[in-house]
Amino acid sequence: MAALMLWCVAMVALSSLACGMSKHQRDIFIVQISAKKSRYFEIAGWVILLISAVITIYFKGASVGLSEWLGCITFAALAVGLLLTYQPKKLLQANVIVTVLFGLLLIVSLI
């Protein structure tokens, strides 16, 4: 379950990085966003990735944690790449769904 939660976090982080790139903004948003907002998307994406890596390494150790983190990042990148290729307007909706899934998994794991 931890790997699925990590995938959800990686999906949101990589989507945020994609939203910060000007070439994807034309596809994702109706209007191009400002440079300041683009920078906020980039910073948020990198911070989320960094925090998820640190938490995974803390709980699983360096070797297993980094391996699991990279695996989840890989599959999240595949999902974001496929969404950007075939349904870029649905990326924000997918992030809402993934965030709800993360919340449900978090509640289940705490019970």
PDB file of N, CA and C in Angstrom:
ATOM      1  N   MET A   1       0.820  -1.180   0.000  1.00  0.00           N
ATOM      2  CA  MET A   1       0.000   0.000   0.000  1.00  0.00           C
ATOM      3  C   MET A   1       0.874   1.258   0.000  1.00  0.00           C
ATOM      4  N   ALA A   2       2.048   1.152   0.622  1.00  0.00           N
ATOM      5  CA  ALA A   2       2.945   2.314   0.663  1.00  0.00           C
ATOM      6  C   ALA A   2       3.426   2.679  -0.736  1.00  0.00           C
ATOM      7  N   ALA A   3       3.634   1.666  -1.573  1.00  0.00           N
ATOM      8  CA  ALA A   3       4.091   1.945  -2.941  1.00  0.00           C
ATOM      9  C   ALA A   3       3.004   2.670  -3.738  1.00  0.00           C
ATOM     10  N   LEU A   4       1.766   2.297  -3.532  1.00  0.00           N
ATOM     11  CA  LEU A   4       0.672   2.976  -4.233  1.00  0.00           C
ATOM     12  C   LEU A   4       0.519   4.416  -3.745  1.00  0.00           C
ATOM     13  N   MET A   5       0.707   4.620  -2.456  1.00  0.00           N
ATOM     14  CA  MET A   5       0.666   5.987  -1.926  1.00  0.00           C
ATOM     15  C   MET A   5       1.825   6.813  -2.483  1.00  0.00           C
ATOM     16  N   LEU A   6       2.984   6.196  -2.577  1.00  0.00           N
ATOM     17  CA  LEU A   6       4.144   6.885  -3.138  1.00  0.00           C
ATOM     18  C   LEU A   6       3.914   7.209  -4.608  1.00  0.00           C
ATOM     19  N   TRP A   7       3.254   6.304  -5.334  1.00  0.00           N
ATOM     20  CA  TRP A   7       2.936   6.568  -6.740  1.00  0.00           C
ATOM     21  C   TRP A   7       1.998   7.771  -6.853  1.00  0.00           C
ATOM     22  N   CYS A   8       1.028   7.860  -5.956  1.00  0.00           N
ATOM     23  CA  CYS A   8       0.094   9.000  -5.979  1.00  0.00           C
ATOM     24  C   CYS A   8       0.838  10.313  -5.777  1.00  0.00           C
ATOM     25  N   VAL A   9       1.760  10.327  -4.824  1.00  0.00           N
ATOM     26  CA  VAL A   9       2.535  11.543  -4.561  1.00  0.00           C
ATOM     27  C   VAL A   9       3.405  11.882  -5.766  1.00  0.00           C
ATOM     28  N   ALA A  10       4.039  10.871  -6.351  1.00  0.00           N
ATOM     29  CA  ALA A  10       4.902  11.099  -7.516  1.00  0.00           C
ATOM     30  C   ALA A  10       4.095  11.590  -8.709  1.00  0.00           C
ATOM     31  N   MET A  11       2.902  11.085  -8.866  1.00  0.00           N
ATOM     32  CA  MET A  11       2.037  11.515  -9.966  1.00  0.00           C
ATOM     33  C   MET A  11       1.704  13.003  -9.847  1.00  0.00           C
ATOM     34  N   VAL A  12       1.360  13.440  -8.650  1.00  0.00           N
ATOM     35  CA  VAL A  12       1.040  14.853  -8.434  1.00  0.00           C
ATOM     36  C   VAL A  12       2.286  15.716  -8.639  1.00  0.00           C
ATOM     37  N   ALA A  13       3.428  15.245  -8.153  1.00  0.00           N
ATOM     38  CA  ALA A  13       4.669  16.020  -8.293  1.00  0.00           C
ATOM     39  C   ALA A  13       5.075  16.162  -9.756  1.00  0.00           C
ATOM     40  N   LEU A  14       5.018  15.076 -10.505  1.00  0.00           N
ATOM     41  CA  LEU A  14       5.408  15.144 -11.916  1.00  0.00           C
ATOM     42  C   LEU A  14       4.393  15.941 -12.734  1.00  0.00           C
ATOM     43  N   SER A  15       3.136  15.873 -12.356  1.00  0.00           N
ATOM     44  CA  SER A  15       2.130  16.705 -13.024  1.00  0.00           C
ATOM     45  C   SER A  15       2.390  18.180 -12.760  1.00  0.00           C
ATOM     46  N   SER A  16       2.798  18.478 -11.546  1.00  0.00           N
ATOM     47  CA  SER A  16       3.130  19.860 -11.208  1.00  0.00           C
ATOM     48  C   SER A  16       4.327  20.346 -12.021  1.00  0.00           C
ATOM     49  N   LEU A  17       5.324  19.499 -12.176  1.00  0.00           N
ATOM     50  CA  LEU A  17       6.472  19.868 -13.007  1.00  0.00           C
ATOM     51  C   LEU A  17       6.052  20.082 -14.459  1.00  0.00           C
ATOM     52  N   ALA A  18       5.149  19.242 -14.945  1.00  0.00           N
ATOM     53  CA  ALA A  18       4.671  19.404 -16.322  1.00  0.00           C
ATOM     54  C   ALA A  18       3.884  20.703 -16.476  1.00  0.00           C
ATOM     55  N   CYS A  19       3.115  21.064 -15.456  1.00  0.00           N
ATOM     56  CA  CYS A  19       2.359  22.323 -15.515  1.00  0.00           C
ATOM     57  C   CYS A  19       3.282  23.533 -15.522  1.00  0.00           C
ATOM     58  N   GLY A  20       4.476  23.374 -15.014  1.00  0.00           N
ATOM     59  CA  GLY A  20       5.431  24.466 -15.010  1.00  0.00           C
ATOM     60  C   GLY A  20       6.169  24.657 -16.316  1.00  0.00           C
ATOM     61  N   MET A  21       6.050  23.695 -17.225  1.00  0.00           N
ATOM     62  CA  MET A  21       6.742  23.785 -18.515  1.00  0.00           C
ATOM     63  C   MET A  21       5.850  24.493 -19.528  1.00  0.00           C
ATOM     64  N   SER A  22       6.417  25.465 -20.219  1.00  0.00           N
ATOM     65  CA  SER A  22       5.606  26.282 -21.132  1.00  0.00           C
ATOM     66  C   SER A  22       5.027  25.470 -22.287  1.00  0.00           C
ATOM     67  N   LYS A  23       5.750  24.460 -22.761  1.00  0.00           N
ATOM     68  CA  LYS A  23       5.218  23.692 -23.893  1.00  0.00           C
ATOM     69  C   LYS A  23       4.011  22.838 -23.501  1.00  0.00           C
ATOM     70  N   HIS A  24       3.910  22.462 -22.223  1.00  0.00           N
ATOM     71  CA  HIS A  24       2.750  21.694 -21.779  1.00  0.00           C
ATOM     72  C   HIS A  24       1.602  22.597 -21.347  1.00  0.00           C
ATOM     73  N   GLN A  25       1.902  23.838 -21.005  1.00  0.00           N
ATOM     74  CA  GLN A  25       0.850  24.751 -20.566  1.00  0.00           C
ATOM     75  C   GLN A  25      -0.176  25.002 -21.660  1.00  0.00           C
ATOM     76  N   ARG A  26       0.283  25.041 -22.894  1.00  0.00           N
ATOM     77  CA  ARG A  26      -0.661  25.236 -24.010  1.00  0.00           C
ATOM     78  C   ARG A  26      -1.658  24.092 -24.093  1.00  0.00           C
ATOM     79  N   ASP A  27      -1.212  22.894 -23.723  1.00  0.00           N
ATOM     80  CA  ASP A  27      -2.084  21.725 -23.808  1.00  0.00           C
ATOM     81  C   ASP A  27      -2.962  21.551 -22.569  1.00  0.00           C
ATOM     82  N   ILE A  28      -2.415  21.873 -21.406  1.00  0.00           N
ATOM     83  CA  ILE A  28      -3.121  21.617 -20.150  1.00  0.00           C
ATOM     84  C   ILE A  28      -4.142  22.705 -19.833  1.00  0.00           C
ATOM     85  N   PHE A  29      -3.726  23.951 -19.934  1.00  0.00           N
ATOM     86  CA  PHE A  29      -4.577  25.078 -19.548  1.00  0.00           C
ATOM     87  C   PHE A  29      -5.207  25.725 -20.776  1.00  0.00           C
ATOM     88  N   ILE A  30      -6.304  26.414 -20.559  1.00  0.00           N
ATOM     89  CA  ILE A  30      -6.968  27.116 -21.660  1.00  0.00           C
ATOM     90  C   ILE A  30      -6.146  28.327 -22.079  1.00  0.00           C
ATOM     91  N   VAL A  31      -5.655  29.071 -21.093  1.00  0.00           N
ATOM     92  CA  VAL A  31      -4.789  30.225 -21.368  1.00  0.00           C
ATOM     93  C   VAL A  31      -3.425  29.960 -20.744  1.00  0.00           C
ATOM     94  N   GLN A  32      -2.409  30.585 -21.297  1.00  0.00           N
ATOM     95  CA  GLN A  32      -1.072  30.400 -20.747  1.00  0.00           C
ATOM     96  C   GLN A  32      -0.963  31.131 -19.410  1.00  0.00           C
ATOM     97  N   ILE A  33      -0.385  30.469 -18.437  1.00  0.00           N
ATOM     98  CA  ILE A  33      -0.273  31.064 -17.108  1.00  0.00           C
ATOM     99  C   ILE A  33       0.980  31.928 -17.024  1.00  0.00           C
ATOM    100  N   SER A  34       1.044  32.741 -15.993  1.00  0.00           N
ATOM    101  CA  SER A  34       2.163  33.674 -15.849  1.00  0.00           C
ATOM    102  C   SER A  34       3.448  32.930 -15.488  1.00  0.00           C
ATOM    103  N   ALA A  35       4.562  33.612 -15.672  1.00  0.00           N
ATOM    104  CA  ALA A  35       5.864  33.026 -15.354  1.00  0.00           C
ATOM    105  C   ALA A  35       5.995  32.764 -13.855  1.00  0.00           C
ATOM    106  N   LYS A  36       5.370  33.602 -13.053  1.00  0.00           N
ATOM    107  CA  LYS A  36       5.420  33.429 -11.603  1.00  0.00           C
ATOM    108  C   LYS A  36       4.702  32.148 -11.184  1.00  0.00           C
ATOM    109  N   LYS A  37       3.536  31.903 -11.764  1.00  0.00           N
ATOM    110  CA  LYS A  37       2.800  30.678 -11.454  1.00  0.00           C
ATOM    111  C   LYS A  37       3.532  29.448 -11.981  1.00  0.00           C
ATOM    112  N   SER A  38       4.170  29.580 -13.135  1.00  0.00           N
ATOM    113  CA  SER A  38       4.966  28.475 -13.670  1.00  0.00           C
ATOM    114  C   SER A  38       6.079  28.110 -12.707  1.00  0.00           C
ATOM    115  N   ARG A  39       6.719  29.126 -12.168  1.00  0.00           N
ATOM    116  CA  ARG A  39       7.799  28.898 -11.205  1.00  0.00           C
ATOM    117  C   ARG A  39       7.263  28.232  -9.949  1.00  0.00           C
ATOM    118  N   TYR A  40       6.065  28.609  -9.495  1.00  0.00           N
ATOM    119  CA  TYR A  40       5.455  27.973  -8.327  1.00  0.00           C
ATOM    120  C   TYR A  40       5.169  26.490  -8.588  1.00  0.00           C
ATOM    121  N   PHE A  41       4.688  26.178  -9.786  1.00  0.00           N
ATOM    122  CA  PHE A  41       4.463  24.776 -10.144  1.00  0.00           C
ATOM    123  C   PHE A  41       5.766  23.987 -10.101  1.00  0.00           C
ATOM    124  N   GLU A  42       6.827  24.552 -10.660  1.00  0.00           N
ATOM    125  CA  GLU A  42       8.119  23.869 -10.669  1.00  0.00           C
ATOM    126  C   GLU A  42       8.642  23.648  -9.257  1.00  0.00           C
ATOM    127  N   ILE A  43       8.574  24.679  -8.438  1.00  0.00           N
ATOM    128  CA  ILE A  43       9.063  24.564  -7.061  1.00  0.00           C
ATOM    129  C   ILE A  43       8.249  23.525  -6.292  1.00  0.00           C
ATOM    130  N   ALA A  44       6.935  23.555  -6.452  1.00  0.00           N
ATOM    131  CA  ALA A  44       6.078  22.588  -5.761  1.00  0.00           C
ATOM    132  C   ALA A  44       6.410  21.162  -6.191  1.00  0.00           C
ATOM    133  N   GLY A  45       6.606  20.946  -7.485  1.00  0.00           N
ATOM    134  CA  GLY A  45       6.939  19.612  -7.975  1.00  0.00           C
ATOM    135  C   GLY A  45       8.238  19.090  -7.398  1.00  0.00           C
ATOM    136  N   TRP A  46       9.271  19.923  -7.412  1.00  0.00           N
ATOM    137  CA  TRP A  46      10.572  19.490  -6.881  1.00  0.00           C
ATOM    138  C   TRP A  46      10.526  19.274  -5.375  1.00  0.00           C
ATOM    139  N   VAL A  47       9.815  20.133  -4.663  1.00  0.00           N
ATOM    140  CA  VAL A  47       9.720  19.976  -3.208  1.00  0.00           C
ATOM    141  C   VAL A  47       8.978  18.691  -2.855  1.00  0.00           C
ATOM    142  N   ILE A  48       7.896  18.406  -3.556  1.00  0.00           N
ATOM    143  CA  ILE A  48       7.136  17.176  -3.296  1.00  0.00           C
ATOM    144  C   ILE A  48       7.994  15.952  -3.591  1.00  0.00           C
ATOM    145  N   LEU A  49       8.734  15.966  -4.696  1.00  0.00           N
ATOM    146  CA  LEU A  49       9.612  14.838  -5.008  1.00  0.00           C
ATOM    147  C   LEU A  49      10.693  14.662  -3.948  1.00  0.00           C
ATOM    148  N   LEU A  50      11.292  15.745  -3.520  1.00  0.00           N
ATOM    149  CA  LEU A  50      12.353  15.671  -2.517  1.00  0.00           C
ATOM    150  C   LEU A  50      11.825  15.153  -1.181  1.00  0.00           C
ATOM    151  N   ILE A  51      10.684  15.661  -0.752  1.00  0.00           N
ATOM    152  CA  ILE A  51      10.109  15.210   0.515  1.00  0.00           C
ATOM    153  C   ILE A  51       9.721  13.735   0.439  1.00  0.00           C
ATOM    154  N   SER A  52       9.157  13.315  -0.686  1.00  0.00           N
ATOM    155  CA  SER A  52       8.778  11.903  -0.817  1.00  0.00           C
ATOM    156  C   SER A  52      10.008  10.999  -0.799  1.00  0.00           C
ATOM    157  N   ALA A  53      11.107  11.444  -1.399  1.00  0.00           N
ATOM    158  CA  ALA A  53      12.339  10.645  -1.373  1.00  0.00           C
ATOM    159  C   ALA A  53      12.888  10.543   0.045  1.00  0.00           C
ATOM    160  N   VAL A  54      12.903  11.645   0.758  1.00  0.00           N
ATOM    161  CA  VAL A  54      13.431  11.642   2.129  1.00  0.00           C
ATOM    162  C   VAL A  54      12.584  10.755   3.038  1.00  0.00           C
ATOM    163  N   ILE A  55      11.275  10.846   2.915  1.00  0.00           N
ATOM    164  CA  ILE A  55      10.389  10.025   3.749  1.00  0.00           C
ATOM    165  C   ILE A  55      10.557   8.545   3.420  1.00  0.00           C
ATOM    166  N   THR A  56      10.649   8.216   2.149  1.00  0.00           N
ATOM    167  CA  THR A  56      10.820   6.818   1.755  1.00  0.00           C
ATOM    168  C   THR A  56      12.148   6.270   2.254  1.00  0.00           C
ATOM    169  N   ILE A  57      13.207   7.044   2.130  1.00  0.00           N
ATOM    170  CA  ILE A  57      14.517   6.602   2.620  1.00  0.00           C
ATOM    171  C   ILE A  57      14.491   6.452   4.140  1.00  0.00           C
ATOM    172  N   TYR A  58      13.811   7.343   4.824  1.00  0.00           N
ATOM    173  CA  TYR A  58      13.737   7.274   6.287  1.00  0.00           C
ATOM    174  C   TYR A  58      13.050   5.989   6.748  1.00  0.00           C
ATOM    175  N   PHE A  59      11.937   5.621   6.119  1.00  0.00           N
ATOM    176  CA  PHE A  59      11.175   4.468   6.572  1.00  0.00           C
ATOM    177  C   PHE A  59      11.677   3.140   6.016  1.00  0.00           C
ATOM    178  N   LYS A  60      12.263   3.139   4.829  1.00  0.00           N
ATOM    179  CA  LYS A  60      12.645   1.876   4.198  1.00  0.00           C
ATOM    180  C   LYS A  60      14.149   1.658   4.117  1.00  0.00           C
ATOM    181  N   GLY A  61      14.938   2.669   4.447  1.00  0.00           N
ATOM    182  CA  GLY A  61      16.387   2.555   4.310  1.00  0.00           C
ATOM    183  C   GLY A  61      16.820   3.077   2.953  1.00  0.00           C
ATOM    184  N   ALA A  62      18.119   3.300   2.826  1.00  0.00           N
ATOM    185  CA  ALA A  62      18.630   3.929   1.607  1.00  0.00           C
ATOM    186  C   ALA A  62      18.477   3.037   0.380  1.00  0.00           C
ATOM    187  N   SER A  63      18.845   1.773   0.481  1.00  0.00           N
ATOM    188  CA  SER A  63      18.836   0.927  -0.718  1.00  0.00           C
ATOM    189  C   SER A  63      17.417   0.576  -1.163  1.00  0.00           C
ATOM    190  N   VAL A  64      16.607   0.081  -0.256  1.00  0.00           N
ATOM    191  CA  VAL A  64      15.239  -0.298  -0.607  1.00  0.00           C
ATOM    192  C   VAL A  64      14.390   0.945  -0.872  1.00  0.00           C
ATOM    193  N   GLY A  65      14.575   1.969  -0.069  1.00  0.00           N
ATOM    194  CA  GLY A  65      13.785   3.190  -0.226  1.00  0.00           C
ATOM    195  C   GLY A  65      14.010   3.870  -1.559  1.00  0.00           C
ATOM    196  N   LEU A  66      15.282   4.028  -1.941  1.00  0.00           N
ATOM    197  CA  LEU A  66      15.566   4.661  -3.235  1.00  0.00           C
ATOM    198  C   LEU A  66      15.082   3.810  -4.403  1.00  0.00           C
ATOM    199  N   SER A  67      15.222   2.500  -4.281  1.00  0.00           N
ATOM    200  CA  SER A  67      14.751   1.620  -5.358  1.00  0.00           C
ATOM    201  C   SER A  67      13.241   1.715  -5.527  1.00  0.00           C
ATOM    202  N   GLU A  68      12.532   1.682  -4.410  1.00  0.00           N
ATOM    203  CA  GLU A  68      11.070   1.791  -4.479  1.00  0.00           C
ATOM    204  C   GLU A  68      10.652   3.169  -4.986  1.00  0.00           C
ATOM    205  N   TRP A  69      11.343   4.204  -4.535  1.00  0.00           N
ATOM    206  CA  TRP A  69      11.028   5.569  -4.956  1.00  0.00           C
ATOM    207  C   TRP A  69      11.233   5.727  -6.458  1.00  0.00           C
ATOM    208  N   LEU A  70      12.355   5.236  -6.966  1.00  0.00           N
ATOM    209  CA  LEU A  70      12.614   5.345  -8.408  1.00  0.00           C
ATOM    210  C   LEU A  70      11.615   4.535  -9.228  1.00  0.00           C
ATOM    211  N   GLY A  71      11.228   3.365  -8.724  1.00  0.00           N
ATOM    212  CA  GLY A  71      10.220   2.575  -9.420  1.00  0.00           C
ATOM    213  C   GLY A  71       8.882   3.287  -9.493  1.00  0.00           C
ATOM    214  N   CYS A  72       8.469   3.883  -8.389  1.00  0.00           N
ATOM    215  CA  CYS A  72       7.198   4.620  -8.378  1.00  0.00           C
ATOM    216  C   CYS A  72       7.269   5.862  -9.249  1.00  0.00           C
ATOM    217  N   ILE A  73       8.411   6.541  -9.245  1.00  0.00           N
ATOM    218  CA  ILE A  73       8.594   7.714 -10.104  1.00  0.00           C
ATOM    219  C   ILE A  73       8.495   7.302 -11.576  1.00  0.00           C
ATOM    220  N   THR A  74       9.065   6.149 -11.895  1.00  0.00           N
ATOM    221  CA  THR A  74       9.035   5.674 -13.281  1.00  0.00           C
ATOM    222  C   THR A  74       7.606   5.444 -13.754  1.00  0.00           C
ATOM    223  N   PHE A  75       6.801   4.758 -12.938  1.00  0.00           N
ATOM    224  CA  PHE A  75       5.426   4.489 -13.349  1.00  0.00           C
ATOM    225  C   PHE A  75       4.562   5.752 -13.324  1.00  0.00           C
ATOM    226  N   ALA A  76       4.865   6.663 -12.424  1.00  0.00           N
ATOM    227  CA  ALA A  76       4.145   7.941 -12.418  1.00  0.00           C
ATOM    228  C   ALA A  76       4.493   8.754 -13.660  1.00  0.00           C
ATOM    229  N   ALA A  77       5.767   8.722 -14.059  1.00  0.00           N
ATOM    230  CA  ALA A  77       6.173   9.433 -15.277  1.00  0.00           C
ATOM    231  C   ALA A  77       5.491   8.830 -16.503  1.00  0.00           C
ATOM    232  N   LEU A  78       5.338   7.516 -16.517  1.00  0.00           N
ATOM    233  CA  LEU A  78       4.624   6.864 -17.616  1.00  0.00           C
ATOM    234  C   LEU A  78       3.174   7.337 -17.661  1.00  0.00           C
ATOM    235  N   ALA A  79       2.525   7.387 -16.507  1.00  0.00           N
ATOM    236  CA  ALA A  79       1.124   7.822 -16.465  1.00  0.00           C
ATOM    237  C   ALA A  79       0.979   9.280 -16.893  1.00  0.00           C
ATOM    238  N   VAL A  80       1.858  10.144 -16.402  1.00  0.00           N
ATOM    239  CA  VAL A  80       1.788  11.561 -16.774  1.00  0.00           C
ATOM    240  C   VAL A  80       2.094  11.729 -18.257  1.00  0.00           C
ATOM    241  N   GLY A  81       3.078  10.995 -18.747  1.00  0.00           N
ATOM    242  CA  GLY A  81       3.415  11.074 -20.173  1.00  0.00           C
ATOM    243  C   GLY A  81       2.273  10.627 -21.066  1.00  0.00           C
ATOM    244  N   LEU A  82       1.607   9.546 -20.690  1.00  0.00           N
ATOM    245  CA  LEU A  82       0.461   9.084 -21.480  1.00  0.00           C
ATOM    246  C   LEU A  82      -0.690  10.083 -21.424  1.00  0.00           C
ATOM    247  N   LEU A  83      -0.927  10.652 -20.251  1.00  0.00           N
ATOM    248  CA  LEU A  83      -1.980  11.670 -20.146  1.00  0.00           C
ATOM    249  C   LEU A  83      -1.652  12.892 -20.987  1.00  0.00           C
ATOM    250  N   LEU A  84      -0.405  13.338 -20.946  1.00  0.00           N
ATOM    251  CA  LEU A  84      -0.020  14.512 -21.736  1.00  0.00           C
ATOM    252  C   LEU A  84      -0.094  14.236 -23.232  1.00  0.00           C
ATOM    253  N   THR A  85       0.138  12.998 -23.623  1.00  0.00           N
ATOM    254  CA  THR A  85       0.110  12.652 -25.040  1.00  0.00           C
ATOM    255  C   THR A  85      -1.314  12.541 -25.569  1.00  0.00           C
ATOM    256  N   TYR A  86      -2.174  11.848 -24.827  1.00  0.00           N
ATOM    257  CA  TYR A  86      -3.493  11.530 -25.364  1.00  0.00           C
ATOM    258  C   TYR A  86      -4.634  12.381 -24.797  1.00  0.00           C
ATOM    259  N   GLN A  87      -4.543  12.815 -23.558  1.00  0.00           N
ATOM    260  CA  GLN A  87      -5.623  13.593 -22.936  1.00  0.00           C
ATOM    261  C   GLN A  87      -5.048  14.691 -22.043  1.00  0.00           C
ATOM    262  N   PRO A  88      -4.350  15.668 -22.597  1.00  0.00           N
ATOM    263  CA  PRO A  88      -3.704  16.672 -21.737  1.00  0.00           C
ATOM    264  C   PRO A  88      -4.683  17.511 -20.919  1.00  0.00           C
ATOM    265  N   LYS A  89      -5.876  17.741 -21.418  1.00  0.00           N
ATOM    266  CA  LYS A  89      -6.858  18.534 -20.669  1.00  0.00           C
ATOM    267  C   LYS A  89      -7.357  17.798 -19.425  1.00  0.00           C
ATOM    268  N   LYS A  90      -7.193  16.485 -19.384  1.00  0.00           N
ATOM    269  CA  LYS A  90      -7.676  15.680 -18.262  1.00  0.00           C
ATOM    270  C   LYS A  90      -6.626  15.521 -17.160  1.00  0.00           C
ATOM    271  N   LEU A  91      -5.462  16.135 -17.326  1.00  0.00           N
ATOM    272  CA  LEU A  91      -4.389  15.978 -16.340  1.00  0.00           C
ATOM    273  C   LEU A  91      -4.800  16.520 -14.975  1.00  0.00           C
ATOM    274  N   LEU A  92      -5.438  17.656 -14.941  1.00  0.00           N
ATOM    275  CA  LEU A  92      -5.852  18.236 -13.663  1.00  0.00           C
ATOM    276  C   LEU A  92      -6.944  17.396 -12.999  1.00  0.00           C
ATOM    277  N   GLN A  93      -7.853  16.836 -13.801  1.00  0.00           N
ATOM    278  CA  GLN A  93      -8.878  15.947 -13.251  1.00  0.00           C
ATOM    279  C   GLN A  93      -8.243  14.673 -12.702  1.00  0.00           C
ATOM    280  N   ALA A  94      -7.244  14.167 -13.399  1.00  0.00           N
ATOM    281  CA  ALA A  94      -6.546  12.973 -12.930  1.00  0.00           C
ATOM    282  C   ALA A  94      -5.842  13.245 -11.606  1.00  0.00           C
ATOM    283  N   ASN A  95      -5.309  14.456 -11.449  1.00  0.00           N
ATOM    284  CA  ASN A  95      -4.664  14.805 -10.182  1.00  0.00           C
ATOM    285  C   ASN A  95      -5.658  14.831  -9.033  1.00  0.00           C
ATOM    286  N   VAL A  96      -6.864  15.291  -9.293  1.00  0.00           N
ATOM    287  CA  VAL A  96      -7.894  15.285  -8.249  1.00  0.00           C
ATOM    288  C   VAL A  96      -8.220  13.846  -7.854  1.00  0.00           C
ATOM    289  N   ILE A  97      -8.369  12.976  -8.836  1.00  0.00           N
ATOM    290  CA  ILE A  97      -8.671  11.569  -8.563  1.00  0.00           C
ATOM    291  C   ILE A  97      -7.537  10.915  -7.784  1.00  0.00           C
ATOM    292  N   VAL A  98      -6.303  11.181  -8.184  1.00  0.00           N
ATOM    293  CA  VAL A  98      -5.145  10.599  -7.509  1.00  0.00           C
ATOM    294  C   VAL A  98      -5.032  11.128  -6.078  1.00  0.00           C
ATOM    295  N   THR A  99      -5.353  12.390  -5.871  1.00  0.00           N
ATOM    296  CA  THR A  99      -5.308  12.960  -4.523  1.00  0.00           C
ATOM    297  C   THR A  99      -6.369  12.329  -3.626  1.00  0.00           C
ATOM    298  N   VAL A 100      -7.555  12.100  -4.161  1.00  0.00           N
ATOM    299  CA  VAL A 100      -8.607  11.420  -3.398  1.00  0.00           C
ATOM    300  C   VAL A 100      -8.181   9.994  -3.079  1.00  0.00           C
ATOM    301  N   LEU A 101      -7.587   9.304  -4.048  1.00  0.00           N
ATOM    302  CA  LEU A 101      -7.090   7.947  -3.817  1.00  0.00           C
ATOM    303  C   LEU A 101      -6.034   7.941  -2.716  1.00  0.00           C
ATOM    304  N   PHE A 102      -5.127   8.914  -2.751  1.00  0.00           N
ATOM    305  CA  PHE A 102      -4.109   9.018  -1.705  1.00  0.00           C
ATOM    306  C   PHE A 102      -4.754   9.218  -0.334  1.00  0.00           C
ATOM    307  N   GLY A 103      -5.743  10.083  -0.264  1.00  0.00           N
ATOM    308  CA  GLY A 103      -6.435  10.310   1.005  1.00  0.00           C
ATOM    309  C   GLY A 103      -7.108   9.052   1.530  1.00  0.00           C
ATOM    310  N   LEU A 104      -7.761   8.312   0.643  1.00  0.00           N
ATOM    311  CA  LEU A 104      -8.401   7.060   1.051  1.00  0.00           C
ATOM    312  C   LEU A 104      -7.378   6.041   1.533  1.00  0.00           C
ATOM    313  N   LEU A 105      -6.267   5.921   0.813  1.00  0.00           N
ATOM    314  CA  LEU A 105      -5.218   4.990   1.233  1.00  0.00           C
ATOM    315  C   LEU A 105      -4.613   5.398   2.572  1.00  0.00           C
ATOM    316  N   LEU A 106      -4.472   6.686   2.783  1.00  0.00           N
ATOM    317  CA  LEU A 106      -3.937   7.173   4.053  1.00  0.00           C
ATOM    318  C   LEU A 106      -4.883   6.848   5.204  1.00  0.00           C
ATOM    319  N   ILE A 107      -6.168   7.037   4.980  1.00  0.00           N
ATOM    320  CA  ILE A 107      -7.158   6.720   6.016  1.00  0.00           C
ATOM    321  C   ILE A 107      -7.149   5.229   6.324  1.00  0.00           C
ATOM    322  N   VAL A 108      -7.104   4.398   5.281  1.00  0.00           N
ATOM    323  CA  VAL A 108      -7.102   2.949   5.477  1.00  0.00           C
ATOM    324  C   VAL A 108      -5.840   2.502   6.208  1.00  0.00           C
ATOM    325  N   SER A 109      -4.703   3.094   5.872  1.00  0.00           N
ATOM    326  CA  SER A 109      -3.459   2.674   6.521  1.00  0.00           C
ATOM    327  C   SER A 109      -3.382   3.125   7.977  1.00  0.00           C
ATOM    328  N   LEU A 110      -4.090   4.188   8.336  1.00  0.00           N
ATOM    329  CA  LEU A 110      -4.077   4.659   9.718  1.00  0.00           C
ATOM    330  C   LEU A 110      -5.065   3.911  10.606  1.00  0.00           C
ATOM    331  N   ILE A 111      -6.014   3.221   9.996  1.00  0.00           N
ATOM    332  CA  ILE A 111      -7.026   2.481  10.778  1.00  0.00           C
ATOM    333  C   ILE A 111      -6.439   1.198  11.315  1.00  0.00           C
TER     334      ILE A 111
END
